[in-house]
């Protein structure tokens, strides 16, 4: 299973819609989209004990069980949203991303937005010892949103397909 994570600070977001669209377009890759990040408490070392909060247990379990991970994030203030950073912090001591294949996507309104967020994601993934298979910047103004999902032009579809193959190893 490929675990798909929206790094957006909004529960209903364009990044979540993108991940759902990818899962719909490529059903053979068994992509599971989850929204557990919003349920995580703010990371504090005092909470990271032998009995962490249930949402942290769920988050760690899903990341640990996944064959690979896709992260789609917007850019907020030249960085990633706090909810995604918090999610990364919950994985630091437990190590679920160690050597895990990860495909980071920045999904911003238009080019060149997303560059700072991508750097932040990759820096965090490097600190967590994840294996970044590729980096994909995608732009909302280049994709059509029709009937509750994004449509992919042939070049974008091929790029996503190649990224998914890289995640599979």
C-alpha atoms as a PDB file:
ATOM      1  CA  UNK A   1       0.000   0.000   0.000  1.00  0.00           C
ATOM      2  CA  UNK A   2       1.166   3.528  -0.819  1.00  0.00           C
ATOM      3  CA  UNK A   3       0.148   5.913   1.936  1.00  0.00           C
ATOM      4  CA  UNK A   4      -0.926   9.341   0.623  1.00  0.00           C
ATOM      5  CA  UNK A   5      -0.656  12.313   2.981  1.00  0.00           C
ATOM      6  CA  UNK A   6      -1.987  15.803   2.398  1.00  0.00           C
ATOM      7  CA  UNK A   7       0.169  18.341   4.181  1.00  0.00           C
ATOM      8  CA  UNK A   8      -2.448  21.060   3.906  1.00  0.00           C
ATOM      9  CA  UNK A   9      -3.692  22.847   6.981  1.00  0.00           C
ATOM     10  CA  UNK A  10      -7.264  22.443   5.693  1.00  0.00           C
ATOM     11  CA  UNK A  11      -9.201  19.204   6.045  1.00  0.00           C
ATOM     12  CA  UNK A  12     -10.774  19.675   2.614  1.00  0.00           C
ATOM     13  CA  UNK A  13      -7.988  20.894   0.355  1.00  0.00           C
ATOM     14  CA  UNK A  14      -6.717  20.942  -3.197  1.00  0.00           C
ATOM     15  CA  UNK A  15      -3.795  18.787  -2.072  1.00  0.00           C
ATOM     16  CA  UNK A  16      -6.201  16.192  -0.698  1.00  0.00           C
ATOM     17  CA  UNK A  17      -8.194  16.367  -3.928  1.00  0.00           C
ATOM     18  CA  UNK A  18      -4.980  15.852  -5.893  1.00  0.00           C
ATOM     19  CA  UNK A  19      -4.126  12.722  -3.910  1.00  0.00           C
ATOM     20  CA  UNK A  20      -7.648  11.368  -4.342  1.00  0.00           C
ATOM     21  CA  UNK A  21      -7.381  12.051  -8.080  1.00  0.00           C
ATOM     22  CA  UNK A  22      -4.065  10.203  -8.278  1.00  0.00           C
ATOM     23  CA  UNK A  23      -5.568   7.219  -6.412  1.00  0.00           C
ATOM     24  CA  UNK A  24      -8.557   7.228  -8.787  1.00  0.00           C
ATOM     25  CA  UNK A  25      -6.405   7.539 -11.922  1.00  0.00           C
ATOM     26  CA  UNK A  26      -3.953   4.802 -10.876  1.00  0.00           C
ATOM     27  CA  UNK A  27      -5.984   2.145  -9.003  1.00  0.00           C
ATOM     28  CA  UNK A  28      -3.410  -0.611  -9.545  1.00  0.00           C
ATOM     29  CA  UNK A  29      -1.029   1.118  -7.123  1.00  0.00           C
ATOM     30  CA  UNK A  30      -3.348   0.716  -4.085  1.00  0.00           C
ATOM     31  CA  UNK A  31      -3.061   4.245  -2.760  1.00  0.00           C
ATOM     32  CA  UNK A  32      -4.672   4.978   0.603  1.00  0.00           C
ATOM     33  CA  UNK A  33      -5.346   8.615   1.468  1.00  0.00           C
ATOM     34  CA  UNK A  34      -5.668   9.448   5.166  1.00  0.00           C
ATOM     35  CA  UNK A  35      -6.249  12.686   7.056  1.00  0.00           C
ATOM     36  CA  UNK A  36      -4.775  11.820  10.443  1.00  0.00           C
ATOM     37  CA  UNK A  37      -2.448  14.862  10.598  1.00  0.00           C
ATOM     38  CA  UNK A  38      -5.207  17.155  11.896  1.00  0.00           C
ATOM     39  CA  UNK A  39      -5.862  14.831  14.824  1.00  0.00           C
ATOM     40  CA  UNK A  40      -2.273  14.881  16.085  1.00  0.00           C
ATOM     41  CA  UNK A  41      -1.626  17.022  19.135  1.00  0.00           C
ATOM     42  CA  UNK A  42       1.221  19.499  18.896  1.00  0.00           C
ATOM     43  CA  UNK A  43       4.388  17.470  19.360  1.00  0.00           C
ATOM     44  CA  UNK A  44       5.969  17.761  22.780  1.00  0.00           C
ATOM     45  CA  UNK A  45       8.694  15.415  24.015  1.00  0.00           C
ATOM     46  CA  UNK A  46       6.695  14.886  27.207  1.00  0.00           C
ATOM     47  CA  UNK A  47       3.893  13.297  25.134  1.00  0.00           C
ATOM     48  CA  UNK A  48       6.297  11.020  23.246  1.00  0.00           C
ATOM     49  CA  UNK A  49       6.350   8.275  25.862  1.00  0.00           C
ATOM     50  CA  UNK A  50       5.673   4.554  25.860  1.00  0.00           C
ATOM     51  CA  UNK A  51       1.966   5.529  25.673  1.00  0.00           C
ATOM     52  CA  UNK A  52       1.709   8.290  23.057  1.00  0.00           C
ATOM     53  CA  UNK A  53      -1.702   9.683  22.032  1.00  0.00           C
ATOM     54  CA  UNK A  54      -3.896   7.336  19.948  1.00  0.00           C
ATOM     55  CA  UNK A  55      -3.629   9.620  16.908  1.00  0.00           C
ATOM     56  CA  UNK A  56       0.189   9.390  17.074  1.00  0.00           C
ATOM     57  CA  UNK A  57      -0.017   5.604  17.336  1.00  0.00           C
ATOM     58  CA  UNK A  58      -2.296   5.526  14.261  1.00  0.00           C
ATOM     59  CA  UNK A  59      -0.003   7.915  12.323  1.00  0.00           C
ATOM     60  CA  UNK A  60       3.096   5.908  13.133  1.00  0.00           C
ATOM     61  CA  UNK A  61       1.402   2.604  12.350  1.00  0.00           C
ATOM     62  CA  UNK A  62       0.131   3.772   8.931  1.00  0.00           C
ATOM     63  CA  UNK A  63       3.550   5.174   7.990  1.00  0.00           C
ATOM     64  CA  UNK A  64       5.296   2.034   9.220  1.00  0.00           C
ATOM     65  CA  UNK A  65       2.961  -0.359   7.378  1.00  0.00           C
ATOM     66  CA  UNK A  66       3.098   1.533   4.085  1.00  0.00           C
ATOM     67  CA  UNK A  67       5.330   0.249   1.332  1.00  0.00           C
ATOM     68  CA  UNK A  68       5.906   3.870   0.303  1.00  0.00           C
ATOM     69  CA  UNK A  69       4.517   7.349   0.917  1.00  0.00           C
ATOM     70  CA  UNK A  70       3.308  10.262  -1.203  1.00  0.00           C
ATOM     71  CA  UNK A  71       3.197  13.667   0.447  1.00  0.00           C
ATOM     72  CA  UNK A  72       1.385  16.527  -1.262  1.00  0.00           C
ATOM     73  CA  UNK A  73       1.811  19.938   0.298  1.00  0.00           C
ATOM     74  CA  UNK A  74       1.032  23.564  -0.398  1.00  0.00           C
ATOM     75  CA  UNK A  75       3.461  26.318   0.494  1.00  0.00           C
ATOM     76  CA  UNK A  76       2.637  28.592   3.432  1.00  0.00           C
ATOM     77  CA  UNK A  77       4.940  31.535   4.154  1.00  0.00           C
ATOM     78  CA  UNK A  78       7.768  29.984   2.100  1.00  0.00           C
ATOM     79  CA  UNK A  79       7.534  26.762   4.099  1.00  0.00           C
ATOM     80  CA  UNK A  80       5.370  23.714   4.743  1.00  0.00           C
ATOM     81  CA  UNK A  81       2.186  23.957   6.795  1.00  0.00           C
ATOM     82  CA  UNK A  82       2.606  23.479  10.544  1.00  0.00           C
ATOM     83  CA  UNK A  83       0.374  20.378  10.490  1.00  0.00           C
ATOM     84  CA  UNK A  84       2.853  18.561   8.207  1.00  0.00           C
ATOM     85  CA  UNK A  85       5.888  19.672  10.219  1.00  0.00           C
ATOM     86  CA  UNK A  86       4.133  18.450  13.362  1.00  0.00           C
ATOM     87  CA  UNK A  87       3.506  15.097  11.684  1.00  0.00           C
ATOM     88  CA  UNK A  88       7.195  14.788  10.849  1.00  0.00           C
ATOM     89  CA  UNK A  89       8.109  15.593  14.454  1.00  0.00           C
ATOM     90  CA  UNK A  90       5.923  12.720  15.685  1.00  0.00           C
ATOM     91  CA  UNK A  91       7.991  10.346  13.501  1.00  0.00           C
ATOM     92  CA  UNK A  92      11.422  11.497  14.663  1.00  0.00           C
ATOM     93  CA  UNK A  93      11.911   9.232  17.667  1.00  0.00           C
ATOM     94  CA  UNK A  94      10.010   6.223  16.329  1.00  0.00           C
ATOM     95  CA  UNK A  95      11.703   6.025  12.906  1.00  0.00           C
ATOM     96  CA  UNK A  96       8.878   4.894  10.599  1.00  0.00           C
ATOM     97  CA  UNK A  97      10.306   6.826   7.643  1.00  0.00           C
ATOM     98  CA  UNK A  98      13.817   5.388   7.959  1.00  0.00           C
ATOM     99  CA  UNK A  99      14.722   4.214   4.424  1.00  0.00           C
ATOM    100  CA  UNK A 100      11.032   4.478   3.400  1.00  0.00           C
ATOM    101  CA  UNK A 101      10.484   5.488  -0.238  1.00  0.00           C
ATOM    102  CA  UNK A 102       8.785   8.893  -0.368  1.00  0.00           C
ATOM    103  CA  UNK A 103       7.525  11.001  -3.258  1.00  0.00           C
ATOM    104  CA  UNK A 104       7.062  14.639  -2.214  1.00  0.00           C
ATOM    105  CA  UNK A 105       4.739  16.789  -4.319  1.00  0.00           C
ATOM    106  CA  UNK A 106       4.198  20.489  -3.941  1.00  0.00           C
ATOM    107  CA  UNK A 107       0.839  21.557  -5.289  1.00  0.00           C
ATOM    108  CA  UNK A 108       0.716  25.320  -5.534  1.00  0.00           C
ATOM    109  CA  UNK A 109      -1.435  27.786  -7.486  1.00  0.00           C
ATOM    110  CA  UNK A 110       1.259  28.548 -10.090  1.00  0.00           C
ATOM    111  CA  UNK A 111       4.982  28.457 -10.816  1.00  0.00           C
ATOM    112  CA  UNK A 112       7.389  29.138  -9.097  1.00  0.00           C
ATOM    113  CA  UNK A 113       5.430  28.759  -5.842  1.00  0.00           C
ATOM    114  CA  UNK A 114       6.212  25.633  -3.900  1.00  0.00           C
ATOM    115  CA  UNK A 115      10.002  25.730  -4.216  1.00  0.00           C
ATOM    116  CA  UNK A 116      10.582  26.683  -0.573  1.00  0.00           C
ATOM    117  CA  UNK A 117       8.069  24.105   0.636  1.00  0.00           C
ATOM    118  CA  UNK A 118       9.786  21.399  -1.416  1.00  0.00           C
ATOM    119  CA  UNK A 119      13.136  22.298   0.133  1.00  0.00           C
ATOM    120  CA  UNK A 120      11.578  22.114   3.591  1.00  0.00           C
ATOM    121  CA  UNK A 121       9.944  18.738   2.901  1.00  0.00           C
ATOM    122  CA  UNK A 122      13.176  17.280   1.543  1.00  0.00           C
ATOM    123  CA  UNK A 123      15.181  18.650   4.488  1.00  0.00           C
ATOM    124  CA  UNK A 124      12.727  17.073   6.947  1.00  0.00           C
ATOM    125  CA  UNK A 125      12.707  13.773   5.064  1.00  0.00           C
ATOM    126  CA  UNK A 126      16.504  13.768   5.009  1.00  0.00           C
ATOM    127  CA  UNK A 127      16.573  14.305   8.780  1.00  0.00           C
ATOM    128  CA  UNK A 128      14.140  11.379   9.120  1.00  0.00           C
ATOM    129  CA  UNK A 129      16.411   9.251   6.882  1.00  0.00           C
ATOM    130  CA  UNK A 130      13.697   8.685   4.271  1.00  0.00           C
ATOM    131  CA  UNK A 131      14.561   7.869   0.652  1.00  0.00           C
ATOM    132  CA  UNK A 132      13.217  10.602  -1.648  1.00  0.00           C
ATOM    133  CA  UNK A 133      12.635   8.920  -5.019  1.00  0.00           C
ATOM    134  CA  UNK A 134      11.891  12.160  -6.929  1.00  0.00           C
ATOM    135  CA  UNK A 135      10.503  15.660  -6.352  1.00  0.00           C
ATOM    136  CA  UNK A 136       7.398  16.785  -8.221  1.00  0.00           C
ATOM    137  CA  UNK A 137       6.208  20.370  -8.377  1.00  0.00           C
ATOM    138  CA  UNK A 138       2.649  20.518  -9.715  1.00  0.00           C
ATOM    139  CA  UNK A 139       0.590  23.649 -10.322  1.00  0.00           C
ATOM    140  CA  UNK A 140      -3.125  24.109  -9.939  1.00  0.00           C
ATOM    141  CA  UNK A 141      -3.341  26.470 -12.926  1.00  0.00           C
ATOM    142  CA  UNK A 142      -2.028  23.682 -15.177  1.00  0.00           C
ATOM    143  CA  UNK A 143      -4.619  21.034 -14.203  1.00  0.00           C
ATOM    144  CA  UNK A 144      -8.351  20.945 -14.885  1.00  0.00           C
ATOM    145  CA  UNK A 145     -10.713  20.140 -12.030  1.00  0.00           C
ATOM    146  CA  UNK A 146     -13.782  18.404 -13.445  1.00  0.00           C
ATOM    147  CA  UNK A 147     -16.465  16.434 -11.598  1.00  0.00           C
ATOM    148  CA  UNK A 148     -14.690  16.375  -8.213  1.00  0.00           C
ATOM    149  CA  UNK A 149     -11.242  15.361  -9.428  1.00  0.00           C
ATOM    150  CA  UNK A 150      -8.226  16.644 -11.316  1.00  0.00           C
ATOM    151  CA  UNK A 151      -7.664  15.679 -14.928  1.00  0.00           C
ATOM    152  CA  UNK A 152      -4.071  14.899 -15.914  1.00  0.00           C
ATOM    153  CA  UNK A 153      -2.672  15.774 -19.320  1.00  0.00           C
ATOM    154  CA  UNK A 154      -0.522  13.025 -20.895  1.00  0.00           C
ATOM    155  CA  UNK A 155       2.808  14.510 -19.721  1.00  0.00           C
ATOM    156  CA  UNK A 156       1.625  14.955 -16.127  1.00  0.00           C
ATOM    157  CA  UNK A 157       0.032  11.511 -16.138  1.00  0.00           C
ATOM    158  CA  UNK A 158       3.294   9.953 -17.339  1.00  0.00           C
ATOM    159  CA  UNK A 159       5.309  11.849 -14.711  1.00  0.00           C
ATOM    160  CA  UNK A 160       2.987  10.667 -11.906  1.00  0.00           C
ATOM    161  CA  UNK A 161       2.986   7.111 -13.243  1.00  0.00           C
ATOM    162  CA  UNK A 162       6.799   7.095 -13.315  1.00  0.00           C
ATOM    163  CA  UNK A 163       6.901   8.443  -9.743  1.00  0.00           C
ATOM    164  CA  UNK A 164       4.538   5.711  -8.573  1.00  0.00           C
ATOM    165  CA  UNK A 165       6.694   3.077 -10.257  1.00  0.00           C
ATOM    166  CA  UNK A 166       9.719   4.514  -8.456  1.00  0.00           C
ATOM    167  CA  UNK A 167       7.855   4.233  -5.150  1.00  0.00           C
ATOM    168  CA  UNK A 168       7.110   0.596  -5.872  1.00  0.00           C
ATOM    169  CA  UNK A 169      10.843   0.004  -6.350  1.00  0.00           C
END
